[in-house]
Amino acid sequence: MAKYKISWSVEAEIDLTEILEFYIQRNKTVSYSKKLYSKIKKDISAISKNPKLGIRTEFDTVRALVTGDYQIIYETTENNILISMLWDCRRNPEDKKIGKRFKNINNID
């Protein structure tokens, strides 16, 4: 299977930066942030090889892959994967507004 091209939305890049910076501040070291970043990169690499790895969401082209305490939420198109959100699964799920991060998505219903 061909490897899909990965791109990040600005919002997802901000999510990642905020998550990593939170742990740097909390732990007073970069160690955990480096491990978490490596895990996220590894999982995104797996997604690029198998885009159906994540679970389906309420939107037909959007999937979510759990990595530790986080979900990598992404949209798959022909040969591209757009990482649109990194979501902390410990947060209130009602605050997760996937639809606001994607421009051209349709509900499965």
PDB file of N, CA and C in Angstrom:
ATOM      1  N   MET A   1       0.841  -1.178   0.000  1.00  0.00           N
ATOM      2  CA  MET A   1       0.000   0.000   0.000  1.00  0.00           C
ATOM      3  C   MET A   1       0.888   1.243   0.000  1.00  0.00           C
ATOM      4  N   ALA A   2       0.520   2.224  -0.795  1.00  0.00           N
ATOM      5  CA  ALA A   2       1.291   3.467  -0.894  1.00  0.00           C
ATOM      6  C   ALA A   2       1.161   4.281   0.387  1.00  0.00           C
ATOM      7  N   LYS A   3       2.221   4.993   0.685  1.00  0.00           N
ATOM      8  CA  LYS A   3       2.228   5.854   1.862  1.00  0.00           C
ATOM      9  C   LYS A   3       1.519   7.163   1.521  1.00  0.00           C
ATOM     10  N   TYR A   4       0.625   7.588   2.383  1.00  0.00           N
ATOM     11  CA  TYR A   4      -0.113   8.829   2.184  1.00  0.00           C
ATOM     12  C   TYR A   4       0.728  10.017   2.648  1.00  0.00           C
ATOM     13  N   LYS A   5       0.511  11.152   1.989  1.00  0.00           N
ATOM     14  CA  LYS A   5       1.191  12.387   2.385  1.00  0.00           C
ATOM     15  C   LYS A   5       0.473  12.953   3.607  1.00  0.00           C
ATOM     16  N   ILE A   6       1.248  13.340   4.611  1.00  0.00           N
ATOM     17  CA  ILE A   6       0.691  13.889   5.850  1.00  0.00           C
ATOM     18  C   ILE A   6       0.835  15.404   5.843  1.00  0.00           C
ATOM     19  N   SER A   7      -0.233  16.086   6.213  1.00  0.00           N
ATOM     20  CA  SER A   7      -0.148  17.531   6.449  1.00  0.00           C
ATOM     21  C   SER A   7      -0.890  17.833   7.748  1.00  0.00           C
ATOM     22  N   TRP A   8      -0.528  18.964   8.336  1.00  0.00           N
ATOM     23  CA  TRP A   8      -1.101  19.379   9.615  1.00  0.00           C
ATOM     24  C   TRP A   8      -1.855  20.684   9.428  1.00  0.00           C
ATOM     25  N   SER A   9      -3.017  20.779  10.043  1.00  0.00           N
ATOM     26  CA  SER A   9      -3.706  22.068  10.078  1.00  0.00           C
ATOM     27  C   SER A   9      -2.986  22.952  11.092  1.00  0.00           C
ATOM     28  N   VAL A  10      -3.166  24.241  10.959  1.00  0.00           N
ATOM     29  CA  VAL A  10      -2.575  25.179  11.919  1.00  0.00           C
ATOM     30  C   VAL A  10      -3.084  24.864  13.323  1.00  0.00           C
ATOM     31  N   GLU A  11      -4.372  24.567  13.433  1.00  0.00           N
ATOM     32  CA  GLU A  11      -4.965  24.267  14.738  1.00  0.00           C
ATOM     33  C   GLU A  11      -4.336  23.036  15.373  1.00  0.00           C
ATOM     34  N   ALA A  12      -4.085  21.998  14.576  1.00  0.00           N
ATOM     35  CA  ALA A  12      -3.467  20.779  15.107  1.00  0.00           C
ATOM     36  C   ALA A  12      -2.029  21.046  15.549  1.00  0.00           C
ATOM     37  N   GLU A  13      -1.316  21.876  14.793  1.00  0.00           N
ATOM     38  CA  GLU A  13       0.046  22.245  15.207  1.00  0.00           C
ATOM     39  C   GLU A  13       0.015  22.987  16.542  1.00  0.00           C
ATOM     40  N   ILE A  14      -0.973  23.852  16.715  1.00  0.00           N
ATOM     41  CA  ILE A  14      -1.129  24.565  17.990  1.00  0.00           C
ATOM     42  C   ILE A  14      -1.464  23.573  19.105  1.00  0.00           C
ATOM     43  N   ASP A  15      -2.368  22.627  18.827  1.00  0.00           N
ATOM     44  CA  ASP A  15      -2.697  21.597  19.822  1.00  0.00           C
ATOM     45  C   ASP A  15      -1.434  20.881  20.284  1.00  0.00           C
ATOM     46  N   LEU A  16      -0.615  20.446  19.328  1.00  0.00           N
ATOM     47  CA  LEU A  16       0.612  19.716  19.652  1.00  0.00           C
ATOM     48  C   LEU A  16       1.554  20.570  20.483  1.00  0.00           C
ATOM     49  N   THR A  17       1.766  21.796  20.061  1.00  0.00           N
ATOM     50  CA  THR A  17       2.662  22.702  20.793  1.00  0.00           C
ATOM     51  C   THR A  17       2.172  22.913  22.217  1.00  0.00           C
ATOM     52  N   GLU A  18       0.883  23.153  22.378  1.00  0.00           N
ATOM     53  CA  GLU A  18       0.330  23.379  23.719  1.00  0.00           C
ATOM     54  C   GLU A  18       0.476  22.151  24.611  1.00  0.00           C
ATOM     55  N   ILE A  19       0.256  20.973  24.058  1.00  0.00           N
ATOM     56  CA  ILE A  19       0.395  19.737  24.830  1.00  0.00           C
ATOM     57  C   ILE A  19       1.839  19.559  25.284  1.00  0.00           C
ATOM     58  N   LEU A  20       2.775  19.695  24.354  1.00  0.00           N
ATOM     59  CA  LEU A  20       4.187  19.496  24.689  1.00  0.00           C
ATOM     60  C   LEU A  20       4.675  20.549  25.674  1.00  0.00           C
ATOM     61  N   GLU A  21       4.272  21.796  25.470  1.00  0.00           N
ATOM     62  CA  GLU A  21       4.688  22.869  26.386  1.00  0.00           C
ATOM     63  C   GLU A  21       4.098  22.677  27.782  1.00  0.00           C
ATOM     64  N   PHE A  22       2.882  22.163  27.859  1.00  0.00           N
ATOM     65  CA  PHE A  22       2.269  21.899  29.159  1.00  0.00           C
ATOM     66  C   PHE A  22       3.143  20.950  29.978  1.00  0.00           C
ATOM     67  N   TYR A  23       3.583  19.858  29.350  1.00  0.00           N
ATOM     68  CA  TYR A  23       4.393  18.881  30.089  1.00  0.00           C
ATOM     69  C   TYR A  23       5.791  19.399  30.399  1.00  0.00           C
ATOM     70  N   ILE A  24       6.335  20.230  29.535  1.00  0.00           N
ATOM     71  CA  ILE A  24       7.638  20.838  29.834  1.00  0.00           C
ATOM     72  C   ILE A  24       7.514  21.716  31.075  1.00  0.00           C
ATOM     73  N   GLN A  25       6.465  22.531  31.131  1.00  0.00           N
ATOM     74  CA  GLN A  25       6.252  23.407  32.288  1.00  0.00           C
ATOM     75  C   GLN A  25       5.961  22.601  33.552  1.00  0.00           C
ATOM     76  N   ARG A  26       5.093  21.627  33.435  1.00  0.00           N
ATOM     77  CA  ARG A  26       4.692  20.851  34.606  1.00  0.00           C
ATOM     78  C   ARG A  26       5.836  20.019  35.168  1.00  0.00           C
ATOM     79  N   ASN A  27       6.598  19.386  34.269  1.00  0.00           N
ATOM     80  CA  ASN A  27       7.657  18.467  34.703  1.00  0.00           C
ATOM     81  C   ASN A  27       9.013  19.130  34.857  1.00  0.00           C
ATOM     82  N   LYS A  28       9.132  20.381  34.395  1.00  0.00           N
ATOM     83  CA  LYS A  28      10.403  21.128  34.449  1.00  0.00           C
ATOM     84  C   LYS A  28      11.528  20.407  33.698  1.00  0.00           C
ATOM     85  N   THR A  29      11.142  19.656  32.686  1.00  0.00           N
ATOM     86  CA  THR A  29      12.089  18.948  31.835  1.00  0.00           C
ATOM     87  C   THR A  29      11.401  18.633  30.504  1.00  0.00           C
ATOM     88  N   VAL A  30      12.198  18.380  29.478  1.00  0.00           N
ATOM     89  CA  VAL A  30      11.633  18.059  28.162  1.00  0.00           C
ATOM     90  C   VAL A  30      11.494  16.554  27.941  1.00  0.00           C
ATOM     91  N   SER A  31      11.934  15.747  28.888  1.00  0.00           N
ATOM     92  CA  SER A  31      11.977  14.287  28.705  1.00  0.00           C
ATOM     93  C   SER A  31      10.637  13.695  28.283  1.00  0.00           C
ATOM     94  N   TYR A  32       9.597  13.958  29.062  1.00  0.00           N
ATOM     95  CA  TYR A  32       8.301  13.364  28.747  1.00  0.00           C
ATOM     96  C   TYR A  32       7.759  13.907  27.427  1.00  0.00           C
ATOM     97  N   SER A  33       7.935  15.188  27.185  1.00  0.00           N
ATOM     98  CA  SER A  33       7.454  15.779  25.930  1.00  0.00           C
ATOM     99  C   SER A  33       8.125  15.127  24.728  1.00  0.00           C
ATOM    100  N   LYS A  34       9.410  14.832  24.835  1.00  0.00           N
ATOM    101  CA  LYS A  34      10.118  14.152  23.739  1.00  0.00           C
ATOM    102  C   LYS A  34       9.549  12.755  23.508  1.00  0.00           C
ATOM    103  N   LYS A  35       9.281  12.024  24.593  1.00  0.00           N
ATOM    104  CA  LYS A  35       8.707  10.676  24.463  1.00  0.00           C
ATOM    105  C   LYS A  35       7.319  10.739  23.838  1.00  0.00           C
ATOM    106  N   LEU A  36       6.511  11.681  24.301  1.00  0.00           N
ATOM    107  CA  LEU A  36       5.160  11.830  23.772  1.00  0.00           C
ATOM    108  C   LEU A  36       5.196  12.210  22.296  1.00  0.00           C
ATOM    109  N   TYR A  37       6.077  13.139  21.935  1.00  0.00           N
ATOM    110  CA  TYR A  37       6.213  13.556  20.536  1.00  0.00           C
ATOM    111  C   TYR A  37       6.631  12.371  19.661  1.00  0.00           C
ATOM    112  N   SER A  38       7.559  11.560  20.142  1.00  0.00           N
ATOM    113  CA  SER A  38       7.995  10.375  19.391  1.00  0.00           C
ATOM    114  C   SER A  38       6.843   9.401  19.190  1.00  0.00           C
ATOM    115  N   LYS A  39       6.034   9.200  20.226  1.00  0.00           N
ATOM    116  CA  LYS A  39       4.884   8.299  20.133  1.00  0.00           C
ATOM    117  C   LYS A  39       3.866   8.830  19.120  1.00  0.00           C
ATOM    118  N   ILE A  40       3.597  10.115  19.167  1.00  0.00           N
ATOM    119  CA  ILE A  40       2.647  10.709  18.220  1.00  0.00           C
ATOM    120  C   ILE A  40       3.174  10.580  16.790  1.00  0.00           C
ATOM    121  N   LYS A  41       4.461  10.880  16.582  1.00  0.00           N
ATOM    122  CA  LYS A  41       5.059  10.741  15.243  1.00  0.00           C
ATOM    123  C   LYS A  41       4.977   9.305  14.744  1.00  0.00           C
ATOM    124  N   LYS A  42       5.247   8.341  15.628  1.00  0.00           N
ATOM    125  CA  LYS A  42       5.194   6.926  15.252  1.00  0.00           C
ATOM    126  C   LYS A  42       3.776   6.537  14.829  1.00  0.00           C
ATOM    127  N   ASP A  43       2.788   6.996  15.592  1.00  0.00           N
ATOM    128  CA  ASP A  43       1.405   6.669  15.258  1.00  0.00           C
ATOM    129  C   ASP A  43       0.951   7.352  13.969  1.00  0.00           C
ATOM    130  N   ILE A  44       1.409   8.562  13.725  1.00  0.00           N
ATOM    131  CA  ILE A  44       1.069   9.244  12.473  1.00  0.00           C
ATOM    132  C   ILE A  44       1.726   8.533  11.290  1.00  0.00           C
ATOM    133  N   SER A  45       2.924   8.031  11.490  1.00  0.00           N
ATOM    134  CA  SER A  45       3.579   7.245  10.444  1.00  0.00           C
ATOM    135  C   SER A  45       2.756   5.990  10.130  1.00  0.00           C
ATOM    136  N   ALA A  46       2.225   5.351  11.165  1.00  0.00           N
ATOM    137  CA  ALA A  46       1.375   4.173  10.956  1.00  0.00           C
ATOM    138  C   ALA A  46       0.104   4.551  10.200  1.00  0.00           C
ATOM    139  N   ILE A  47      -0.467   5.701  10.534  1.00  0.00           N
ATOM    140  CA  ILE A  47      -1.661   6.183   9.825  1.00  0.00           C
ATOM    141  C   ILE A  47      -1.338   6.421   8.352  1.00  0.00           C
ATOM    142  N   SER A  48      -0.149   6.958   8.068  1.00  0.00           N
ATOM    143  CA  SER A  48       0.217   7.253   6.675  1.00  0.00           C
ATOM    144  C   SER A  48       0.315   5.979   5.840  1.00  0.00           C
ATOM    145  N   LYS A  49       0.586   4.857   6.489  1.00  0.00           N
ATOM    146  CA  LYS A  49       0.665   3.575   5.780  1.00  0.00           C
ATOM    147  C   LYS A  49      -0.686   2.874   5.723  1.00  0.00           C
ATOM    148  N   ASN A  50      -1.520   3.140   6.718  1.00  0.00           N
ATOM    149  CA  ASN A  50      -2.839   2.517   6.785  1.00  0.00           C
ATOM    150  C   ASN A  50      -3.852   3.532   7.320  1.00  0.00           C
ATOM    151  N   PRO A  51      -4.416   4.360   6.449  1.00  0.00           N
ATOM    152  CA  PRO A  51      -5.310   5.432   6.880  1.00  0.00           C
ATOM    153  C   PRO A  51      -6.574   4.960   7.592  1.00  0.00           C
ATOM    154  N   LYS A  52      -6.939   3.705   7.440  1.00  0.00           N
ATOM    155  CA  LYS A  52      -8.142   3.197   8.098  1.00  0.00           C
ATOM    156  C   LYS A  52      -7.842   2.653   9.494  1.00  0.00           C
ATOM    157  N   LEU A  53      -6.652   2.918   9.981  1.00  0.00           N
ATOM    158  CA  LEU A  53      -6.240   2.452  11.302  1.00  0.00           C
ATOM    159  C   LEU A  53      -7.100   3.048  12.410  1.00  0.00           C
ATOM    160  N   GLY A  54      -7.448   4.313  12.284  1.00  0.00           N
ATOM    161  CA  GLY A  54      -8.271   4.982  13.295  1.00  0.00           C
ATOM    162  C   GLY A  54      -9.729   4.568  13.202  1.00  0.00           C
ATOM    163  N   ILE A  55     -10.457   4.834  14.273  1.00  0.00           N
ATOM    164  CA  ILE A  55     -11.885   4.517  14.281  1.00  0.00           C
ATOM    165  C   ILE A  55     -12.661   5.597  13.529  1.00  0.00           C
ATOM    166  N   ARG A  56     -13.765   5.210  12.936  1.00  0.00           N
ATOM    167  CA  ARG A  56     -14.606   6.167  12.222  1.00  0.00           C
ATOM    168  C   ARG A  56     -15.270   7.105  13.209  1.00  0.00           C
ATOM    169  N   THR A  57     -15.488   8.318  12.766  1.00  0.00           N
ATOM    170  CA  THR A  57     -16.219   9.299  13.565  1.00  0.00           C
ATOM    171  C   THR A  57     -17.586   9.498  12.921  1.00  0.00           C
ATOM    172  N   GLU A  58     -18.313  10.482  13.393  1.00  0.00           N
ATOM    173  CA  GLU A  58     -19.626  10.761  12.799  1.00  0.00           C
ATOM    174  C   GLU A  58     -19.518  11.375  11.408  1.00  0.00           C
ATOM    175  N   PHE A  59     -18.314  11.683  10.966  1.00  0.00           N
ATOM    176  CA  PHE A  59     -18.084  12.248   9.636  1.00  0.00           C
ATOM    177  C   PHE A  59     -17.436  11.192   8.750  1.00  0.00           C
ATOM    178  N   ASP A  60     -17.901  11.074   7.512  1.00  0.00           N
ATOM    179  CA  ASP A  60     -17.486   9.959   6.667  1.00  0.00           C
ATOM    180  C   ASP A  60     -16.009   9.921   6.300  1.00  0.00           C
ATOM    181  N   THR A  61     -15.307  11.031   6.262  1.00  0.00           N
ATOM    182  CA  THR A  61     -13.886  11.018   5.883  1.00  0.00           C
ATOM    183  C   THR A  61     -12.950  11.234   7.067  1.00  0.00           C
ATOM    184  N   VAL A  62     -13.507  11.307   8.266  1.00  0.00           N
ATOM    185  CA  VAL A  62     -12.712  11.643   9.452  1.00  0.00           C
ATOM    186  C   VAL A  62     -12.587  10.430  10.368  1.00  0.00           C
ATOM    187  N   ARG A  63     -11.363  10.197  10.834  1.00  0.00           N
ATOM    188  CA  ARG A  63     -11.078   9.091  11.749  1.00  0.00           C
ATOM    189  C   ARG A  63     -10.299   9.606  12.944  1.00  0.00           C
ATOM    190  N   ALA A  64     -10.248   8.789  13.988  1.00  0.00           N
ATOM    191  CA  ALA A  64      -9.520   9.158  15.205  1.00  0.00           C
ATOM    192  C   ALA A  64      -8.728   7.951  15.693  1.00  0.00           C
ATOM    193  N   LEU A  65      -7.467   8.181  15.994  1.00  0.00           N
ATOM    194  CA  LEU A  65      -6.602   7.129  16.525  1.00  0.00           C
ATOM    195  C   LEU A  65      -6.175   7.522  17.929  1.00  0.00           C
ATOM    196  N   VAL A  66      -6.425   6.643  18.890  1.00  0.00           N
ATOM    197  CA  VAL A  66      -6.024   6.901  20.273  1.00  0.00           C
ATOM    198  C   VAL A  66      -4.547   6.573  20.422  1.00  0.00           C
ATOM    199  N   THR A  67      -3.819   7.516  21.011  1.00  0.00           N
ATOM    200  CA  THR A  67      -2.409   7.325  21.324  1.00  0.00           C
ATOM    201  C   THR A  67      -2.202   7.815  22.752  1.00  0.00           C
ATOM    202  N   GLY A  68      -2.109   6.890  23.682  1.00  0.00           N
ATOM    203  CA  GLY A  68      -2.004   7.271  25.086  1.00  0.00           C
ATOM    204  C   GLY A  68      -3.273   7.969  25.535  1.00  0.00           C
ATOM    205  N   ASP A  69      -3.128   9.162  26.108  1.00  0.00           N
ATOM    206  CA  ASP A  69      -4.275   9.943  26.581  1.00  0.00           C
ATOM    207  C   ASP A  69      -4.853  10.850  25.496  1.00  0.00           C
ATOM    208  N   TYR A  70      -4.396  10.710  24.276  1.00  0.00           N
ATOM    209  CA  TYR A  70      -4.773  11.633  23.204  1.00  0.00           C
ATOM    210  C   TYR A  70      -5.379  10.900  22.021  1.00  0.00           C
ATOM    211  N   GLN A  71      -6.161  11.639  21.258  1.00  0.00           N
ATOM    212  CA  GLN A  71      -6.669  11.165  19.975  1.00  0.00           C
ATOM    213  C   GLN A  71      -6.053  12.019  18.884  1.00  0.00           C
ATOM    214  N   ILE A  72      -5.588  11.363  17.843  1.00  0.00           N
ATOM    215  CA  ILE A  72      -5.152  12.047  16.633  1.00  0.00           C
ATOM    216  C   ILE A  72      -6.357  12.000  15.700  1.00  0.00           C
ATOM    217  N   ILE A  73      -6.921  13.151  15.404  1.00  0.00           N
ATOM    218  CA  ILE A  73      -8.119  13.211  14.572  1.00  0.00           C
ATOM    219  C   ILE A  73      -7.703  13.719  13.198  1.00  0.00           C
ATOM    220  N   TYR A  74      -8.049  12.944  12.176  1.00  0.00           N
ATOM    221  CA  TYR A  74      -7.544  13.235  10.835  1.00  0.00           C
ATOM    222  C   TYR A  74      -8.586  12.946   9.772  1.00  0.00           C
ATOM    223  N   GLU A  75      -8.390  13.620   8.644  1.00  0.00           N
ATOM    224  CA  GLU A  75      -9.256  13.428   7.483  1.00  0.00           C
ATOM    225  C   GLU A  75      -8.431  12.824   6.360  1.00  0.00           C
ATOM    226  N   THR A  76      -9.006  11.829   5.707  1.00  0.00           N
ATOM    227  CA  THR A  76      -8.333  11.167   4.596  1.00  0.00           C
ATOM    228  C   THR A  76      -8.974  11.597   3.284  1.00  0.00           C
ATOM    229  N   THR A  77      -8.129  12.005   2.336  1.00  0.00           N
ATOM    230  CA  THR A  77      -8.583  12.274   0.973  1.00  0.00           C
ATOM    231  C   THR A  77      -7.828  11.314   0.069  1.00  0.00           C
ATOM    232  N   GLU A  78      -7.823  11.551  -1.209  1.00  0.00           N
ATOM    233  CA  GLU A  78      -7.275  10.595  -2.169  1.00  0.00           C
ATOM    234  C   GLU A  78      -5.913  10.018  -1.773  1.00  0.00           C
ATOM    235  N   ASN A  79      -4.888  10.833  -1.656  1.00  0.00           N
ATOM    236  CA  ASN A  79      -3.563  10.362  -1.237  1.00  0.00           C
ATOM    237  C   ASN A  79      -2.997  11.202  -0.107  1.00  0.00           C
ATOM    238  N   ASN A  80      -3.873  11.906   0.577  1.00  0.00           N
ATOM    239  CA  ASN A  80      -3.431  12.815   1.636  1.00  0.00           C
ATOM    240  C   ASN A  80      -4.169  12.546   2.936  1.00  0.00           C
ATOM    241  N   ILE A  81      -3.478  12.853   4.019  1.00  0.00           N
ATOM    242  CA  ILE A  81      -4.076  12.796   5.346  1.00  0.00           C
ATOM    243  C   ILE A  81      -3.825  14.141   6.004  1.00  0.00           C
ATOM    244  N   LEU A  82      -4.911  14.763   6.467  1.00  0.00           N
ATOM    245  CA  LEU A  82      -4.812  16.036   7.168  1.00  0.00           C
ATOM    246  C   LEU A  82      -5.025  15.786   8.655  1.00  0.00           C
ATOM    247  N   ILE A  83      -3.975  16.022   9.443  1.00  0.00           N
ATOM    248  CA  ILE A  83      -4.100  15.956  10.897  1.00  0.00           C
ATOM    249  C   ILE A  83      -4.774  17.259  11.305  1.00  0.00           C
ATOM    250  N   SER A  84      -5.954  17.147  11.902  1.00  0.00           N
ATOM    251  CA  SER A  84      -6.732  18.346  12.188  1.00  0.00           C
ATOM    252  C   SER A  84      -6.853  18.669  13.665  1.00  0.00           C
ATOM    253  N   MET A  85      -6.659  17.661  14.516  1.00  0.00           N
ATOM    254  CA  MET A  85      -6.836  17.909  15.946  1.00  0.00           C
ATOM    255  C   MET A  85      -6.082  16.865  16.754  1.00  0.00           C
ATOM    256  N   LEU A  86      -5.478  17.299  17.840  1.00  0.00           N
ATOM    257  CA  LEU A  86      -4.982  16.394  18.871  1.00  0.00           C
ATOM    258  C   LEU A  86      -5.847  16.669  20.087  1.00  0.00           C
ATOM    259  N   TRP A  87      -6.558  15.664  20.526  1.00  0.00           N
ATOM    260  CA  TRP A  87      -7.549  15.839  21.582  1.00  0.00           C
ATOM    261  C   TRP A  87      -7.140  15.064  22.828  1.00  0.00           C
ATOM    262  N   ASP A  88      -7.154  15.719  23.969  1.00  0.00           N
ATOM    263  CA  ASP A  88      -6.884  15.075  25.251  1.00  0.00           C
ATOM    264  C   ASP A  88      -8.156  14.335  25.661  1.00  0.00           C
ATOM    265  N   CYS A  89      -8.097  13.021  25.690  1.00  0.00           N
ATOM    266  CA  CYS A  89      -9.277  12.199  25.975  1.00  0.00           C
ATOM    267  C   CYS A  89      -9.797  12.376  27.399  1.00  0.00           C
ATOM    268  N   ARG A  90      -9.024  13.027  28.252  1.00  0.00           N
ATOM    269  CA  ARG A  90      -9.465  13.263  29.629  1.00  0.00           C
ATOM    270  C   ARG A  90     -10.368  14.491  29.730  1.00  0.00           C
ATOM    271  N   ARG A  91     -10.475  15.242  28.660  1.00  0.00           N
ATOM    272  CA  ARG A  91     -11.347  16.425  28.650  1.00  0.00           C
ATOM    273  C   ARG A  91     -12.797  16.012  28.434  1.00  0.00           C
ATOM    274  N   ASN A  92     -13.697  16.947  28.679  1.00  0.00           N
ATOM    275  CA  ASN A  92     -15.118  16.715  28.480  1.00  0.00           C
ATOM    276  C   ASN A  92     -15.378  16.478  26.989  1.00  0.00           C
ATOM    277  N   PRO A  93     -15.912  15.310  26.615  1.00  0.00           N
ATOM    278  CA  PRO A  93     -16.132  15.024  25.193  1.00  0.00           C
ATOM    279  C   PRO A  93     -17.091  15.996  24.516  1.00  0.00           C
ATOM    280  N   GLU A  94     -17.940  16.650  25.284  1.00  0.00           N
ATOM    281  CA  GLU A  94     -18.865  17.618  24.690  1.00  0.00           C
ATOM    282  C   GLU A  94     -18.141  18.862  24.182  1.00  0.00           C
ATOM    283  N   ASP A  95     -16.911  19.075  24.642  1.00  0.00           N
ATOM    284  CA  ASP A  95     -16.116  20.217  24.176  1.00  0.00           C
ATOM    285  C   ASP A  95     -15.416  19.937  22.847  1.00  0.00           C
ATOM    286  N   LYS A  96     -15.413  18.679  22.427  1.00  0.00           N
ATOM    287  CA  LYS A  96     -14.718  18.302  21.190  1.00  0.00           C
ATOM    288  C   LYS A  96     -15.616  18.623  20.004  1.00  0.00           C
ATOM    289  N   LYS A  97     -15.226  19.608  19.246  1.00  0.00           N
ATOM    290  CA  LYS A  97     -16.011  20.072  18.105  1.00  0.00           C
ATOM    291  C   LYS A  97     -15.258  19.736  16.818  1.00  0.00           C
ATOM    292  N   ILE A  98     -15.329  18.473  16.415  1.00  0.00           N
ATOM    293  CA  ILE A  98     -14.595  18.014  15.234  1.00  0.00           C
ATOM    294  C   ILE A  98     -15.027  18.777  13.992  1.00  0.00           C
ATOM    295  N   GLY A  99     -16.320  18.964  13.823  1.00  0.00           N
ATOM    296  CA  GLY A  99     -16.839  19.601  12.620  1.00  0.00           C
ATOM    297  C   GLY A  99     -16.286  20.987  12.369  1.00  0.00           C
ATOM    298  N   LYS A 100     -15.927  21.705  13.424  1.00  0.00           N
ATOM    299  CA  LYS A 100     -15.388  23.057  13.256  1.00  0.00           C
ATOM    300  C   LYS A 100     -13.980  23.045  12.671  1.00  0.00           C
ATOM    301  N   ARG A 101     -13.304  21.917  12.722  1.00  0.00           N
ATOM    302  CA  ARG A 101     -11.938  21.837  12.221  1.00  0.00           C
ATOM    303  C   ARG A 101     -11.860  21.419  10.753  1.00  0.00           C
ATOM    304  N   PHE A 102     -12.964  20.969  10.187  1.00  0.00           N
ATOM    305  CA  PHE A 102     -12.954  20.500   8.806  1.00  0.00           C
ATOM    306  C   PHE A 102     -13.876  21.359   7.959  1.00  0.00           C
ATOM    307  N   LYS A 103     -13.448  21.649   6.743  1.00  0.00           N
ATOM    308  CA  LYS A 103     -14.208  22.544   5.868  1.00  0.00           C
ATOM    309  C   LYS A 103     -15.281  21.825   5.068  1.00  0.00           C
ATOM    310  N   ASN A 104     -14.952  20.690   4.498  1.00  0.00           N
ATOM    311  CA  ASN A 104     -15.860  20.029   3.560  1.00  0.00           C
ATOM    312  C   ASN A 104     -16.164  18.610   3.997  1.00  0.00           C
ATOM    313  N   ILE A 105     -16.838  18.471   5.125  1.00  0.00           N
ATOM    314  CA  ILE A 105     -17.151  17.124   5.578  1.00  0.00           C
ATOM    315  C   ILE A 105     -18.649  16.917   5.609  1.00  0.00           C
ATOM    316  N   ASN A 106     -19.022  15.664   5.513  1.00  0.00           N
ATOM    317  CA  ASN A 106     -20.429  15.288   5.564  1.00  0.00           C
ATOM    318  C   ASN A 106     -20.640  14.307   6.699  1.00  0.00           C
ATOM    319  N   ASN A 107     -21.773  14.433   7.364  1.00  0.00           N
ATOM    320  CA  ASN A 107     -22.152  13.451   8.371  1.00  0.00           C
ATOM    321  C   ASN A 107     -22.397  12.116   7.699  1.00  0.00           C
ATOM    322  N   ILE A 108     -22.152  11.042   8.417  1.00  0.00           N
ATOM    323  CA  ILE A 108     -22.430   9.703   7.901  1.00  0.00           C
ATOM    324  C   ILE A 108     -23.934   9.490   7.787  1.00  0.00           C
ATOM    325  N   ASP A 109     -24.683  10.051   8.712  1.00  0.00           N
ATOM    326  CA  ASP A 109     -26.142   9.845   8.760  1.00  0.00           C
ATOM    327  C   ASP A 109     -26.801  10.244   7.501  1.00  0.00           C
TER     328      ASP A 109
END
